[in-house]
C-alpha atoms as a PDB file:
ATOM      1  CA  MET A   1      -7.598  -6.064  -7.532  1.00  0.00           C
ATOM      2  CA  LEU A   2      -4.821  -3.515  -7.242  1.00  0.00           C
ATOM      3  CA  TYR A   3      -4.638  -0.948  -4.464  1.00  0.00           C
ATOM      4  CA  MET A   4      -2.521   2.186  -4.160  1.00  0.00           C
ATOM      5  CA  ILE A   5      -1.685   2.528  -0.491  1.00  0.00           C
ATOM      6  CA  VAL A   6      -0.625   5.957   0.727  1.00  0.00           C
ATOM      7  CA  GLU A   7       1.207   5.538   4.009  1.00  0.00           C
ATOM      8  CA  SER A   8       1.972   8.511   6.243  1.00  0.00           C
ATOM      9  CA  PHE A   9       4.475   7.653   8.940  1.00  0.00           C
ATOM     10  CA  ARG A  10       3.176   8.749  12.331  1.00  0.00           C
ATOM     11  CA  GLY A  11       5.110  11.724  13.605  1.00  0.00           C
ATOM     12  CA  GLY A  12       6.907  11.837  10.252  1.00  0.00           C
ATOM     13  CA  ASP A  13       9.256   9.183  11.625  1.00  0.00           C
ATOM     14  CA  ALA A  14      10.264   6.361   9.276  1.00  0.00           C
ATOM     15  CA  VAL A  15      12.731   4.740  11.697  1.00  0.00           C
ATOM     16  CA  PRO A  16      10.185   2.643  13.652  1.00  0.00           C
ATOM     17  CA  VAL A  17       8.591   1.514  10.384  1.00  0.00           C
ATOM     18  CA  TYR A  18      11.883   0.390   8.867  1.00  0.00           C
ATOM     19  CA  ARG A  19      12.920  -1.230  12.143  1.00  0.00           C
ATOM     20  CA  ARG A  20       9.751  -3.345  12.250  1.00  0.00           C
ATOM     21  CA  PHE A  21      10.156  -4.218   8.569  1.00  0.00           C
ATOM     22  CA  ARG A  22      13.767  -5.277   9.202  1.00  0.00           C
ATOM     23  CA  ASP A  23      12.772  -7.397  12.202  1.00  0.00           C
ATOM     24  CA  HIS A  24       9.463  -8.882  11.007  1.00  0.00           C
ATOM     25  CA  GLY A  25       9.142  -8.350   7.262  1.00  0.00           C
ATOM     26  CA  ARG A  26       6.100  -6.938   5.493  1.00  0.00           C
ATOM     27  CA  LEU A  27       3.615  -8.768   7.764  1.00  0.00           C
ATOM     28  CA  ALA A  28       1.356  -9.412   4.777  1.00  0.00           C
ATOM     29  CA  PRO A  29      -1.128 -12.259   5.154  1.00  0.00           C
ATOM     30  CA  GLU A  30      -1.157 -15.071   2.599  1.00  0.00           C
ATOM     31  CA  GLY A  31      -2.909 -13.843  -0.535  1.00  0.00           C
ATOM     32  CA  LEU A  32      -1.807 -10.199  -0.248  1.00  0.00           C
ATOM     33  CA  ARG A  33       0.935  -9.486  -2.766  1.00  0.00           C
ATOM     34  CA  TYR A  34       3.385  -6.590  -2.704  1.00  0.00           C
ATOM     35  CA  VAL A  35       3.849  -5.071  -6.191  1.00  0.00           C
ATOM     36  CA  ALA A  36       6.051  -1.977  -5.780  1.00  0.00           C
ATOM     37  CA  SER A  37       6.647   1.051  -3.564  1.00  0.00           C
ATOM     38  CA  TRP A  38       8.200   4.513  -3.511  1.00  0.00           C
ATOM     39  CA  VAL A  39       9.164   6.623  -0.508  1.00  0.00           C
ATOM     40  CA  THR A  40       9.279  10.416  -0.468  1.00  0.00           C
ATOM     41  CA  ASP A  41      12.761  11.875  -0.202  1.00  0.00           C
ATOM     42  CA  ASP A  42      11.953  13.268   3.260  1.00  0.00           C
ATOM     43  CA  PHE A  43      11.050   9.716   4.462  1.00  0.00           C
ATOM     44  CA  LYS A  44       7.608  10.794   5.727  1.00  0.00           C
ATOM     45  CA  ARG A  45       5.349   8.942   3.275  1.00  0.00           C
ATOM     46  CA  CYS A  46       5.317   5.798   1.201  1.00  0.00           C
ATOM     47  CA  PHE A  47       3.265   5.002  -1.903  1.00  0.00           C
ATOM     48  CA  GLN A  48       2.785   1.279  -2.240  1.00  0.00           C
ATOM     49  CA  VAL A  49       0.907  -0.895  -4.708  1.00  0.00           C
ATOM     50  CA  MET A  50      -0.558  -4.100  -3.299  1.00  0.00           C
ATOM     51  CA  GLU A  51      -2.697  -6.763  -4.958  1.00  0.00           C
ATOM     52  CA  CYS A  52      -5.323  -9.148  -3.566  1.00  0.00           C
ATOM     53  CA  GLU A  53      -8.706 -10.638  -4.334  1.00  0.00           C
ATOM     54  CA  ASP A  54     -10.063 -10.192  -0.800  1.00  0.00           C
ATOM     55  CA  SER A  55      -9.881  -6.663   0.620  1.00  0.00           C
ATOM     56  CA  ASN A  56     -10.122  -8.120   4.137  1.00  0.00           C
ATOM     57  CA  LEU A  57      -6.476  -9.096   3.674  1.00  0.00           C
ATOM     58  CA  LEU A  58      -5.618  -5.392   3.409  1.00  0.00           C
ATOM     59  CA  ASP A  59      -7.426  -4.764   6.695  1.00  0.00           C
ATOM     60  CA  GLN A  60      -5.394  -7.512   8.379  1.00  0.00           C
ATOM     61  CA  TRP A  61      -2.141  -6.097   7.017  1.00  0.00           C
ATOM     62  CA  ILE A  62      -3.022  -2.527   8.010  1.00  0.00           C
ATOM     63  CA  ALA A  63      -3.823  -3.667  11.552  1.00  0.00           C
ATOM     64  CA  GLY A  64      -0.228  -4.828  11.946  1.00  0.00           C
ATOM     65  CA  TRP A  65       1.112  -1.373  11.088  1.00  0.00           C
ATOM     66  CA  ALA A  66      -1.595   1.049  12.280  1.00  0.00           C
ATOM     67  CA  ASP A  67       0.349   2.027  15.393  1.00  0.00           C
ATOM     68  CA  LEU A  68       3.162   3.395  13.178  1.00  0.00           C
ATOM     69  CA  VAL A  69       1.408   4.379   9.938  1.00  0.00           C
ATOM     70  CA  GLU A  70      -1.763   6.156   8.821  1.00  0.00           C
ATOM     71  CA  PHE A  71      -3.205   4.559   5.680  1.00  0.00           C
ATOM     72  CA  GLU A  72      -5.235   5.704   2.703  1.00  0.00           C
ATOM     73  CA  VAL A  73      -6.352   2.832   0.449  1.00  0.00           C
ATOM     74  CA  ILE A  74      -7.294   3.589  -3.158  1.00  0.00           C
ATOM     75  CA  PRO A  75      -8.469   0.861  -5.560  1.00  0.00           C
ATOM     76  CA  VAL A  76      -6.717   1.343  -8.928  1.00  0.00           C
ATOM     77  CA  VAL A  77      -6.580  -0.244 -12.379  1.00  0.00           C
ATOM     78  CA  PRO A  78      -3.658  -0.323 -14.812  1.00  0.00           C
ATOM     79  CA  SER A  79      -3.648   2.538 -17.337  1.00  0.00           C
ATOM     80  CA  ALA A  80      -4.199   0.192 -20.302  1.00  0.00           C
ATOM     81  CA  GLU A  81      -7.294  -1.254 -18.619  1.00  0.00           C
ATOM     82  CA  ALA A  82      -8.605   2.234 -17.852  1.00  0.00           C
ATOM     83  CA  ALA A  83      -8.025   3.336 -21.456  1.00  0.00           C
ATOM     84  CA  ALA A  84      -9.909   0.296 -22.777  1.00  0.00           C
ATOM     85  CA  ALA A  85     -12.821   0.921 -20.415  1.00  0.00           C
ATOM     86  CA  ILE A  86     -13.113   4.605 -21.324  1.00  0.00           C
ATOM     87  CA  ALA A  87     -12.563   4.156 -25.092  1.00  0.00           C
ATOM     88  CA  PRO A  88     -16.257   3.588 -25.944  1.00  0.00           C
ATOM     89  CA  ARG A  89     -17.088   6.958 -24.358  1.00  0.00           C
ATOM     90  CA  LEU A  90     -14.581   8.924 -26.441  1.00  0.00           C
END
């Protein structure tokens, strides 16, 4: 399953987030895969796609960052998969 993660850096401060990432890496448990990410040009939010079969892995990962980041987790599907699923209803 794919998840779009919207991260809002607490206090709008990206420095502690990047410092922890530099020092400790992504802190993702085994089975949680990073796909891609984008950061707003004001460095206040990050949009990240992660993939896993067990959503409990997301909870573990979020716990390691919750002191620095507020998270919104949105399950998503690739556009081609969405188009195929909706096609019979068109």
